[in-house]
């Protein structure tokens, strides 16, 4: 399990590498200053996690990214969005996790 409590088989990842002119960000907004190595990590999760769990995840993530590939902590921004179970279809047009009322 990861610090955000997701089983290994339940991870679906998409990476979008943008050209420098395709990512607009304020280098000094909140926890800056940010460099050209700025990374925005957007996570779509099913159920909400506790504040404690999210903080632990954020800390572990910046530790790992600092170790390899060497991204500064100030350059990592994380946004976690949660969704309801009936908003997911894993194939065949079926809302796989939906429970009919």
PDB file of N, CA and C in Angstrom:
ATOM      1  N   UNK A   1       0.826  -1.189   0.000  1.00  0.00           N
ATOM      2  CA  UNK A   1       0.000   0.000   0.000  1.00  0.00           C
ATOM      3  C   UNK A   1       0.874   1.258   0.000  1.00  0.00           C
ATOM      4  N   UNK A   2       0.384   2.267  -0.654  1.00  0.00           N
ATOM      5  CA  UNK A   2       1.055   3.558  -0.637  1.00  0.00           C
ATOM      6  C   UNK A   2       0.573   4.347   0.582  1.00  0.00           C
ATOM      7  N   UNK A   3       1.244   5.458   0.903  1.00  0.00           N
ATOM      8  CA  UNK A   3       0.769   6.260   2.036  1.00  0.00           C
ATOM      9  C   UNK A   3      -0.661   6.779   1.850  1.00  0.00           C
ATOM     10  N   UNK A   4      -1.154   6.787   0.628  1.00  0.00           N
ATOM     11  CA  UNK A   4      -2.525   7.254   0.395  1.00  0.00           C
ATOM     12  C   UNK A   4      -3.492   6.081   0.347  1.00  0.00           C
ATOM     13  N   UNK A   5      -2.997   4.893   0.667  1.00  0.00           N
ATOM     14  CA  UNK A   5      -3.842   3.714   0.839  1.00  0.00           C
ATOM     15  C   UNK A   5      -4.505   3.258  -0.461  1.00  0.00           C
ATOM     16  N   UNK A   6      -3.679   3.042  -1.491  1.00  0.00           N
ATOM     17  CA  UNK A   6      -4.164   2.526  -2.770  1.00  0.00           C
ATOM     18  C   UNK A   6      -3.399   1.244  -3.070  1.00  0.00           C
ATOM     19  N   UNK A   7      -4.094   0.133  -3.289  1.00  0.00           N
ATOM     20  CA  UNK A   7      -3.408  -1.116  -3.639  1.00  0.00           C
ATOM     21  C   UNK A   7      -2.635  -0.962  -4.953  1.00  0.00           C
ATOM     22  N   UNK A   8      -1.520  -1.661  -5.099  1.00  0.00           N
ATOM     23  CA  UNK A   8      -0.696  -1.554  -6.303  1.00  0.00           C
ATOM     24  C   UNK A   8      -1.483  -1.811  -7.582  1.00  0.00           C
ATOM     25  N   UNK A   9      -2.398  -2.776  -7.571  1.00  0.00           N
ATOM     26  CA  UNK A   9      -3.162  -3.116  -8.777  1.00  0.00           C
ATOM     27  C   UNK A   9      -4.223  -2.068  -9.104  1.00  0.00           C
ATOM     28  N   UNK A  10      -4.431  -1.107  -8.234  1.00  0.00           N
ATOM     29  CA  UNK A  10      -5.485  -0.109  -8.409  1.00  0.00           C
ATOM     30  C   UNK A  10      -4.918   1.244  -8.827  1.00  0.00           C
ATOM     31  N   UNK A  11      -3.768   1.236  -9.454  1.00  0.00           N
ATOM     32  CA  UNK A  11      -3.132   2.485  -9.872  1.00  0.00           C
ATOM     33  C   UNK A  11      -3.152   2.575 -11.394  1.00  0.00           C
ATOM     34  N   UNK A  12      -3.754   3.624 -11.882  1.00  0.00           N
ATOM     35  CA  UNK A  12      -3.792   3.912 -13.308  1.00  0.00           C
ATOM     36  C   UNK A  12      -3.136   5.270 -13.474  1.00  0.00           C
ATOM     37  N   UNK A  13      -2.079   5.354 -14.294  1.00  0.00           N
ATOM     38  CA  UNK A  13      -1.297   6.580 -14.352  1.00  0.00           C
ATOM     39  C   UNK A  13      -1.229   7.117 -15.775  1.00  0.00           C
ATOM     40  N   UNK A  14      -1.302   8.431 -15.887  1.00  0.00           N
ATOM     41  CA  UNK A  14      -1.153   9.130 -17.151  1.00  0.00           C
ATOM     42  C   UNK A  14      -0.119  10.228 -16.931  1.00  0.00           C
ATOM     43  N   UNK A  15       0.851  10.309 -17.808  1.00  0.00           N
ATOM     44  CA  UNK A  15       1.874  11.344 -17.715  1.00  0.00           C
ATOM     45  C   UNK A  15       1.751  12.265 -18.924  1.00  0.00           C
ATOM     46  N   UNK A  16       1.679  13.564 -18.686  1.00  0.00           N
ATOM     47  CA  UNK A  16       1.650  14.562 -19.750  1.00  0.00           C
ATOM     48  C   UNK A  16       2.892  15.425 -19.590  1.00  0.00           C
ATOM     49  N   UNK A  17       3.840  15.286 -20.505  1.00  0.00           N
ATOM     50  CA  UNK A  17       5.014  16.149 -20.464  1.00  0.00           C
ATOM     51  C   UNK A  17       4.757  17.307 -21.415  1.00  0.00           C
ATOM     52  N   UNK A  18       4.809  18.502 -20.891  1.00  0.00           N
ATOM     53  CA  UNK A  18       4.476  19.691 -21.658  1.00  0.00           C
ATOM     54  C   UNK A  18       5.730  20.443 -22.072  1.00  0.00           C
ATOM     55  N   UNK A  19       5.612  21.157 -23.173  1.00  0.00           N
ATOM     56  CA  UNK A  19       6.681  22.063 -23.583  1.00  0.00           C
ATOM     57  C   UNK A  19       6.707  23.229 -22.593  1.00  0.00           C
ATOM     58  N   UNK A  20       7.861  23.880 -22.442  1.00  0.00           N
ATOM     59  CA  UNK A  20       7.958  24.964 -21.456  1.00  0.00           C
ATOM     60  C   UNK A  20       6.879  26.041 -21.598  1.00  0.00           C
ATOM     61  N   UNK A  21       6.450  26.341 -22.811  1.00  0.00           N
ATOM     62  CA  UNK A  21       5.442  27.389 -22.999  1.00  0.00           C
ATOM     63  C   UNK A  21       4.010  26.887 -22.806  1.00  0.00           C
ATOM     64  N   UNK A  22       3.826  25.609 -22.509  1.00  0.00           N
ATOM     65  CA  UNK A  22       2.493  25.039 -22.329  1.00  0.00           C
ATOM     66  C   UNK A  22       2.073  24.939 -20.857  1.00  0.00           C
ATOM     67  N   UNK A  23       2.964  25.255 -19.952  1.00  0.00           N
ATOM     68  CA  UNK A  23       2.657  25.209 -18.522  1.00  0.00           C
ATOM     69  C   UNK A  23       2.891  26.597 -17.935  1.00  0.00           C
ATOM     70  N   UNK A  24       1.813  27.254 -17.598  1.00  0.00           N
ATOM     71  CA  UNK A  24       1.889  28.605 -17.047  1.00  0.00           C
ATOM     72  C   UNK A  24       1.680  28.513 -15.540  1.00  0.00           C
ATOM     73  N   UNK A  25       2.610  29.049 -14.776  1.00  0.00           N
ATOM     74  CA  UNK A  25       2.504  28.993 -13.319  1.00  0.00           C
ATOM     75  C   UNK A  25       3.213  30.184 -12.707  1.00  0.00           C
ATOM     76  N   UNK A  26       2.779  30.557 -11.516  1.00  0.00           N
ATOM     77  CA  UNK A  26       3.392  31.642 -10.769  1.00  0.00           C
ATOM     78  C   UNK A  26       4.556  31.064  -9.969  1.00  0.00           C
ATOM     79  N   UNK A  27       5.736  31.533 -10.222  1.00  0.00           N
ATOM     80  CA  UNK A  27       6.936  30.989  -9.571  1.00  0.00           C
ATOM     81  C   UNK A  27       6.966  31.260  -8.065  1.00  0.00           C
ATOM     82  N   UNK A  28       6.158  32.174  -7.582  1.00  0.00           N
ATOM     83  CA  UNK A  28       6.213  32.544  -6.165  1.00  0.00           C
ATOM     84  C   UNK A  28       4.910  32.317  -5.419  1.00  0.00           C
ATOM     85  N   UNK A  29       3.915  31.700  -6.037  1.00  0.00           N
ATOM     86  CA  UNK A  29       2.625  31.486  -5.384  1.00  0.00           C
ATOM     87  C   UNK A  29       2.779  30.492  -4.235  1.00  0.00           C
ATOM     88  N   UNK A  30       2.359  30.886  -3.055  1.00  0.00           N
ATOM     89  CA  UNK A  30       2.398  30.089  -1.832  1.00  0.00           C
ATOM     90  C   UNK A  30       3.767  29.475  -1.590  1.00  0.00           C
ATOM     91  N   UNK A  31       3.982  28.200  -1.777  1.00  0.00           N
ATOM     92  CA  UNK A  31       5.197  27.522  -1.298  1.00  0.00           C
ATOM     93  C   UNK A  31       6.390  27.611  -2.241  1.00  0.00           C
ATOM     94  N   UNK A  32       6.503  28.642  -3.059  1.00  0.00           N
ATOM     95  CA  UNK A  32       7.621  28.796  -3.982  1.00  0.00           C
ATOM     96  C   UNK A  32       8.887  29.173  -3.231  1.00  0.00           C
ATOM     97  N   UNK A  33       9.939  29.559  -3.927  1.00  0.00           N
ATOM     98  CA  UNK A  33       9.965  29.830  -5.359  1.00  0.00           C
ATOM     99  C   UNK A  33      10.099  28.552  -6.189  1.00  0.00           C
ATOM    100  N   UNK A  34       9.496  28.576  -7.372  1.00  0.00           N
ATOM    101  CA  UNK A  34       9.526  27.424  -8.267  1.00  0.00           C
ATOM    102  C   UNK A  34      10.521  27.661  -9.396  1.00  0.00           C
ATOM    103  N   UNK A  35      11.054  26.564  -9.907  1.00  0.00           N
ATOM    104  CA  UNK A  35      12.013  26.628 -11.005  1.00  0.00           C
ATOM    105  C   UNK A  35      11.367  26.086 -12.281  1.00  0.00           C
ATOM    106  N   UNK A  36      12.165  25.966 -13.320  1.00  0.00           N
ATOM    107  CA  UNK A  36      11.690  25.376 -14.578  1.00  0.00           C
ATOM    108  C   UNK A  36      11.352  23.897 -14.420  1.00  0.00           C
ATOM    109  N   UNK A  37      11.739  23.280 -13.313  1.00  0.00           N
ATOM    110  CA  UNK A  37      11.457  21.859 -13.063  1.00  0.00           C
ATOM    111  C   UNK A  37      10.116  21.639 -12.365  1.00  0.00           C
ATOM    112  N   UNK A  38       9.294  22.666 -12.269  1.00  0.00           N
ATOM    113  CA  UNK A  38       7.991  22.589 -11.608  1.00  0.00           C
ATOM    114  C   UNK A  38       7.169  21.423 -12.146  1.00  0.00           C
ATOM    115  N   UNK A  39       6.554  20.671 -11.224  1.00  0.00           N
ATOM    116  CA  UNK A  39       5.715  19.517 -11.566  1.00  0.00           C
ATOM    117  C   UNK A  39       4.369  19.680 -10.871  1.00  0.00           C
ATOM    118  N   UNK A  40       3.297  19.515 -11.639  1.00  0.00           N
ATOM    119  CA  UNK A  40       1.943  19.525 -11.088  1.00  0.00           C
ATOM    120  C   UNK A  40       1.411  18.103 -11.156  1.00  0.00           C
ATOM    121  N   UNK A  41       1.100  17.536 -10.007  1.00  0.00           N
ATOM    122  CA  UNK A  41       0.585  16.170  -9.930  1.00  0.00           C
ATOM    123  C   UNK A  41      -0.888  16.253  -9.564  1.00  0.00           C
ATOM    124  N   UNK A  42      -1.732  15.804 -10.494  1.00  0.00           N
ATOM    125  CA  UNK A  42      -3.182  15.806 -10.278  1.00  0.00           C
ATOM    126  C   UNK A  42      -3.626  14.364 -10.076  1.00  0.00           C
ATOM    127  N   UNK A  43      -4.230  14.101  -8.941  1.00  0.00           N
ATOM    128  CA  UNK A  43      -4.657  12.747  -8.590  1.00  0.00           C
ATOM    129  C   UNK A  43      -6.177  12.717  -8.520  1.00  0.00           C
ATOM    130  N   UNK A  44      -6.765  11.776  -9.242  1.00  0.00           N
ATOM    131  CA  UNK A  44      -8.200  11.539  -9.144  1.00  0.00           C
ATOM    132  C   UNK A  44      -8.377  10.277  -8.326  1.00  0.00           C
ATOM    133  N   UNK A  45      -9.032  10.408  -7.195  1.00  0.00           N
ATOM    134  CA  UNK A  45      -9.204   9.279  -6.278  1.00  0.00           C
ATOM    135  C   UNK A  45     -10.686   8.992  -6.101  1.00  0.00           C
ATOM    136  N   UNK A  46     -10.976   7.793  -5.675  1.00  0.00           N
ATOM    137  CA  UNK A  46     -12.356   7.423  -5.399  1.00  0.00           C
ATOM    138  C   UNK A  46     -12.837   8.055  -4.113  1.00  0.00           C
ATOM    139  N   UNK A  47     -12.540   7.442  -3.024  1.00  0.00           N
ATOM    140  CA  UNK A  47     -13.048   7.925  -1.738  1.00  0.00           C
ATOM    141  C   UNK A  47     -12.128   8.999  -1.149  1.00  0.00           C
ATOM    142  N   UNK A  48     -12.685   9.903  -0.385  1.00  0.00           N
ATOM    143  CA  UNK A  48     -11.870  10.913   0.282  1.00  0.00           C
ATOM    144  C   UNK A  48     -10.930  10.278   1.311  1.00  0.00           C
ATOM    145  N   UNK A  49      -9.785  10.894   1.516  1.00  0.00           N
ATOM    146  CA  UNK A  49      -8.827  10.471   2.547  1.00  0.00           C
ATOM    147  C   UNK A  49      -8.801  11.522   3.644  1.00  0.00           C
ATOM    148  N   UNK A  50      -8.338  11.123   4.804  1.00  0.00           N
ATOM    149  CA  UNK A  50      -8.224  12.066   5.920  1.00  0.00           C
ATOM    150  C   UNK A  50      -7.110  13.077   5.635  1.00  0.00           C
ATOM    151  N   UNK A  51      -7.182  14.196   6.308  1.00  0.00           N
ATOM    152  CA  UNK A  51      -6.133  15.207   6.183  1.00  0.00           C
ATOM    153  C   UNK A  51      -4.785  14.619   6.576  1.00  0.00           C
ATOM    154  N   UNK A  52      -4.749  13.816   7.632  1.00  0.00           N
ATOM    155  CA  UNK A  52      -3.512  13.167   8.070  1.00  0.00           C
ATOM    156  C   UNK A  52      -2.925  12.303   6.951  1.00  0.00           C
ATOM    157  N   UNK A  53      -3.759  11.508   6.293  1.00  0.00           N
ATOM    158  CA  UNK A  53      -3.300  10.628   5.220  1.00  0.00           C
ATOM    159  C   UNK A  53      -2.768  11.443   4.048  1.00  0.00           C
ATOM    160  N   UNK A  54      -3.461  12.511   3.676  1.00  0.00           N
ATOM    161  CA  UNK A  54      -3.017  13.343   2.553  1.00  0.00           C
ATOM    162  C   UNK A  54      -1.693  14.038   2.872  1.00  0.00           C
ATOM    163  N   UNK A  55      -1.543  14.510   4.098  1.00  0.00           N
ATOM    164  CA  UNK A  55      -0.280  15.152   4.484  1.00  0.00           C
ATOM    165  C   UNK A  55       0.873  14.154   4.442  1.00  0.00           C
ATOM    166  N   UNK A  56       0.633  12.940   4.931  1.00  0.00           N
ATOM    167  CA  UNK A  56       1.668  11.900   4.897  1.00  0.00           C
ATOM    168  C   UNK A  56       2.034  11.563   3.456  1.00  0.00           C
ATOM    169  N   UNK A  57       1.028  11.475   2.590  1.00  0.00           N
ATOM    170  CA  UNK A  57       1.277  11.199   1.179  1.00  0.00           C
ATOM    171  C   UNK A  57       2.111  12.313   0.550  1.00  0.00           C
ATOM    172  N   UNK A  58       1.726  13.566   0.770  1.00  0.00           N
ATOM    173  CA  UNK A  58       2.464  14.698   0.206  1.00  0.00           C
ATOM    174  C   UNK A  58       3.923  14.682   0.647  1.00  0.00           C
ATOM    175  N   UNK A  59       4.164  14.427   1.934  1.00  0.00           N
ATOM    176  CA  UNK A  59       5.533  14.391   2.449  1.00  0.00           C
ATOM    177  C   UNK A  59       6.349  13.266   1.821  1.00  0.00           C
ATOM    178  N   UNK A  60       5.751  12.087   1.730  1.00  0.00           N
ATOM    179  CA  UNK A  60       6.465  10.943   1.148  1.00  0.00           C
ATOM    180  C   UNK A  60       6.736  11.174  -0.331  1.00  0.00           C
ATOM    181  N   UNK A  61       5.786  11.760  -1.027  1.00  0.00           N
ATOM    182  CA  UNK A  61       5.957  12.032  -2.451  1.00  0.00           C
ATOM    183  C   UNK A  61       7.127  12.971  -2.702  1.00  0.00           C
ATOM    184  N   UNK A  62       7.205  14.083  -1.970  1.00  0.00           N
ATOM    185  CA  UNK A  62       8.319  15.005  -2.197  1.00  0.00           C
ATOM    186  C   UNK A  62       9.649  14.389  -1.785  1.00  0.00           C
ATOM    187  N   UNK A  63       9.653  13.529  -0.768  1.00  0.00           N
ATOM    188  CA  UNK A  63      10.884  12.822  -0.396  1.00  0.00           C
ATOM    189  C   UNK A  63      11.369  11.955  -1.554  1.00  0.00           C
ATOM    190  N   UNK A  64      10.458  11.173  -2.121  1.00  0.00           N
ATOM    191  CA  UNK A  64      10.827  10.270  -3.218  1.00  0.00           C
ATOM    192  C   UNK A  64      11.263  11.038  -4.462  1.00  0.00           C
ATOM    193  N   UNK A  65      10.564  12.105  -4.799  1.00  0.00           N
ATOM    194  CA  UNK A  65      10.923  12.882  -5.985  1.00  0.00           C
ATOM    195  C   UNK A  65      12.228  13.642  -5.788  1.00  0.00           C
ATOM    196  N   UNK A  66      12.541  13.993  -4.555  1.00  0.00           N
ATOM    197  CA  UNK A  66      13.812  14.651  -4.263  1.00  0.00           C
ATOM    198  C   UNK A  66      14.969  13.658  -4.400  1.00  0.00           C
ATOM    199  N   UNK A  67      14.750  12.414  -3.928  1.00  0.00           N
ATOM    200  CA  UNK A  67      15.778  11.368  -4.045  1.00  0.00           C
ATOM    201  C   UNK A  67      16.056  11.049  -5.509  1.00  0.00           C
ATOM    202  N   UNK A  68      15.050  10.819  -6.285  1.00  0.00           N
ATOM    203  CA  UNK A  68      15.177  10.509  -7.711  1.00  0.00           C
ATOM    204  C   UNK A  68      13.845  10.836  -8.361  1.00  0.00           C
ATOM    205  N   UNK A  69      13.863  11.701  -9.290  1.00  0.00           N
ATOM    206  CA  UNK A  69      14.932  12.216 -10.147  1.00  0.00           C
ATOM    207  C   UNK A  69      15.599  13.502  -9.673  1.00  0.00           C
ATOM    208  N   UNK A  70      15.410  13.925  -8.437  1.00  0.00           N
ATOM    209  CA  UNK A  70      16.085  15.120  -7.933  1.00  0.00           C
ATOM    210  C   UNK A  70      15.264  16.396  -8.072  1.00  0.00           C
ATOM    211  N   UNK A  71      13.955  16.283  -7.983  1.00  0.00           N
ATOM    212  CA  UNK A  71      13.085  17.456  -8.075  1.00  0.00           C
ATOM    213  C   UNK A  71      12.994  18.118  -6.698  1.00  0.00           C
ATOM    214  N   UNK A  72      13.207  19.418  -6.676  1.00  0.00           N
ATOM    215  CA  UNK A  72      13.122  20.169  -5.424  1.00  0.00           C
ATOM    216  C   UNK A  72      11.702  20.124  -4.864  1.00  0.00           C
ATOM    217  N   UNK A  73      11.583  20.105  -3.550  1.00  0.00           N
ATOM    218  CA  UNK A  73      10.274  20.077  -2.880  1.00  0.00           C
ATOM    219  C   UNK A  73       9.395  21.256  -3.288  1.00  0.00           C
ATOM    220  N   UNK A  74      10.018  22.417  -3.462  1.00  0.00           N
ATOM    221  CA  UNK A  74       9.270  23.617  -3.840  1.00  0.00           C
ATOM    222  C   UNK A  74       8.660  23.502  -5.234  1.00  0.00           C
ATOM    223  N   UNK A  75       9.174  22.578  -6.034  1.00  0.00           N
ATOM    224  CA  UNK A  75       8.718  22.411  -7.412  1.00  0.00           C
ATOM    225  C   UNK A  75       7.621  21.369  -7.566  1.00  0.00           C
ATOM    226  N   UNK A  76       7.115  20.837  -6.473  1.00  0.00           N
ATOM    227  CA  UNK A  76       6.083  19.794  -6.543  1.00  0.00           C
ATOM    228  C   UNK A  76       4.770  20.341  -5.978  1.00  0.00           C
ATOM    229  N   UNK A  77       3.744  20.351  -6.820  1.00  0.00           N
ATOM    230  CA  UNK A  77       2.394  20.733  -6.388  1.00  0.00           C
ATOM    231  C   UNK A  77       1.490  19.527  -6.575  1.00  0.00           C
ATOM    232  N   UNK A  78       0.660  19.246  -5.585  1.00  0.00           N
ATOM    233  CA  UNK A  78      -0.236  18.085  -5.626  1.00  0.00           C
ATOM    234  C   UNK A  78      -1.674  18.562  -5.440  1.00  0.00           C
ATOM    235  N   UNK A  79      -2.552  18.077  -6.302  1.00  0.00           N
ATOM    236  CA  UNK A  79      -3.988  18.334  -6.179  1.00  0.00           C
ATOM    237  C   UNK A  79      -4.692  16.984  -6.187  1.00  0.00           C
ATOM    238  N   UNK A  80      -5.492  16.714  -5.157  1.00  0.00           N
ATOM    239  CA  UNK A  80      -6.235  15.451  -5.073  1.00  0.00           C
ATOM    240  C   UNK A  80      -7.722  15.759  -5.214  1.00  0.00           C
ATOM    241  N   UNK A  81      -8.331  15.174  -6.236  1.00  0.00           N
ATOM    242  CA  UNK A  81      -9.773  15.288  -6.451  1.00  0.00           C
ATOM    243  C   UNK A  81     -10.399  13.940  -6.147  1.00  0.00           C
ATOM    244  N   UNK A  82     -11.521  13.945  -5.448  1.00  0.00           N
ATOM    245  CA  UNK A  82     -12.213  12.690  -5.157  1.00  0.00           C
ATOM    246  C   UNK A  82     -13.517  12.631  -5.944  1.00  0.00           C
ATOM    247  N   UNK A  83     -13.966  11.409  -6.201  1.00  0.00           N
ATOM    248  CA  UNK A  83     -15.176  11.181  -6.981  1.00  0.00           C
ATOM    249  C   UNK A  83     -16.030  10.125  -6.295  1.00  0.00           C
ATOM    250  N   UNK A  84     -17.270  10.039  -6.711  1.00  0.00           N
ATOM    251  CA  UNK A  84     -18.164   8.997  -6.208  1.00  0.00           C
ATOM    252  C   UNK A  84     -17.959   7.713  -7.002  1.00  0.00           C
ATOM    253  N   UNK A  85     -18.280   6.587  -6.402  1.00  0.00           N
ATOM    254  CA  UNK A  85     -18.078   5.277  -7.026  1.00  0.00           C
ATOM    255  C   UNK A  85     -18.806   5.151  -8.357  1.00  0.00           C
ATOM    256  N   UNK A  86     -19.992   5.749  -8.480  1.00  0.00           N
ATOM    257  CA  UNK A  86     -20.757   5.590  -9.720  1.00  0.00           C
ATOM    258  C   UNK A  86     -20.230   6.450 -10.869  1.00  0.00           C
ATOM    259  N   UNK A  87     -19.162   7.202 -10.631  1.00  0.00           N
ATOM    260  CA  UNK A  87     -18.558   8.021 -11.680  1.00  0.00           C
ATOM    261  C   UNK A  87     -17.426   7.301 -12.410  1.00  0.00           C
ATOM    262  N   UNK A  88     -17.198   6.041 -12.095  1.00  0.00           N
ATOM    263  CA  UNK A  88     -16.116   5.265 -12.695  1.00  0.00           C
ATOM    264  C   UNK A  88     -16.675   4.132 -13.557  1.00  0.00           C
ATOM    265  N   UNK A  89     -16.153   4.023 -14.764  1.00  0.00           N
ATOM    266  CA  UNK A  89     -16.397   2.853 -15.604  1.00  0.00           C
ATOM    267  C   UNK A  89     -15.032   2.351 -16.034  1.00  0.00           C
ATOM    268  N   UNK A  90     -14.725   1.111 -15.703  1.00  0.00           N
ATOM    269  CA  UNK A  90     -13.424   0.540 -16.039  1.00  0.00           C
ATOM    270  C   UNK A  90     -13.471  -0.246 -17.345  1.00  0.00           C
ATOM    271  N   UNK A  91     -14.592  -0.198 -18.035  1.00  0.00           N
ATOM    272  CA  UNK A  91     -14.729  -0.852 -19.329  1.00  0.00           C
ATOM    273  C   UNK A  91     -16.133  -1.370 -19.554  1.00  0.00           C
ATOM    274  N   UNK A  92     -16.419  -1.673 -20.796  1.00  0.00           N
ATOM    275  CA  UNK A  92     -17.698  -2.257 -21.215  1.00  0.00           C
ATOM    276  C   UNK A  92     -18.899  -1.369 -20.925  1.00  0.00           C
ATOM    277  N   UNK A  93     -18.686  -0.085 -20.687  1.00  0.00           N
ATOM    278  CA  UNK A  93     -19.797   0.823 -20.423  1.00  0.00           C
ATOM    279  C   UNK A  93     -20.506   0.563 -19.115  1.00  0.00           C
ATOM    280  N   UNK A  94     -19.837  -0.105 -18.193  1.00  0.00           N
ATOM    281  CA  UNK A  94     -20.443  -0.469 -16.914  1.00  0.00           C
ATOM    282  C   UNK A  94     -19.867   0.416 -15.809  1.00  0.00           C
ATOM    283  N   UNK A  95     -20.733   1.035 -15.026  1.00  0.00           N
ATOM    284  CA  UNK A  95     -20.292   1.770 -13.838  1.00  0.00           C
ATOM    285  C   UNK A  95     -19.934   0.716 -12.792  1.00  0.00           C
ATOM    286  N   UNK A  96     -18.724   0.229 -12.885  1.00  0.00           N
ATOM    287  CA  UNK A  96     -18.261  -0.960 -12.179  1.00  0.00           C
ATOM    288  C   UNK A  96     -18.513  -0.942 -10.677  1.00  0.00           C
ATOM    289  N   UNK A  97     -18.314   0.184 -10.047  1.00  0.00           N
ATOM    290  CA  UNK A  97     -18.417   0.265  -8.592  1.00  0.00           C
ATOM    291  C   UNK A  97     -19.756   0.802  -8.105  1.00  0.00           C
ATOM    292  N   UNK A  98     -20.651   1.127  -9.038  1.00  0.00           N
ATOM    293  CA  UNK A  98     -21.933   1.724  -8.665  1.00  0.00           C
ATOM    294  C   UNK A  98     -22.820   0.711  -7.959  1.00  0.00           C
ATOM    295  N   UNK A  99     -23.497   1.196  -6.944  1.00  0.00           N
ATOM    296  CA  UNK A  99     -24.469   0.383  -6.212  1.00  0.00           C
ATOM    297  C   UNK A  99     -25.834   1.000  -6.468  1.00  0.00           C
ATOM    298  N   UNK A 100     -26.745   0.222  -7.047  1.00  0.00           N
ATOM    299  CA  UNK A 100     -28.091   0.735  -7.310  1.00  0.00           C
ATOM    300  C   UNK A 100     -28.845   0.933  -6.004  1.00  0.00           C
ATOM    301  N   UNK A 101     -29.541   2.048  -5.939  1.00  0.00           N
ATOM    302  CA  UNK A 101     -30.314   2.345  -4.722  1.00  0.00           C
ATOM    303  C   UNK A 101     -31.636   1.610  -4.732  1.00  0.00           C
TER     304      UNK A 101
END
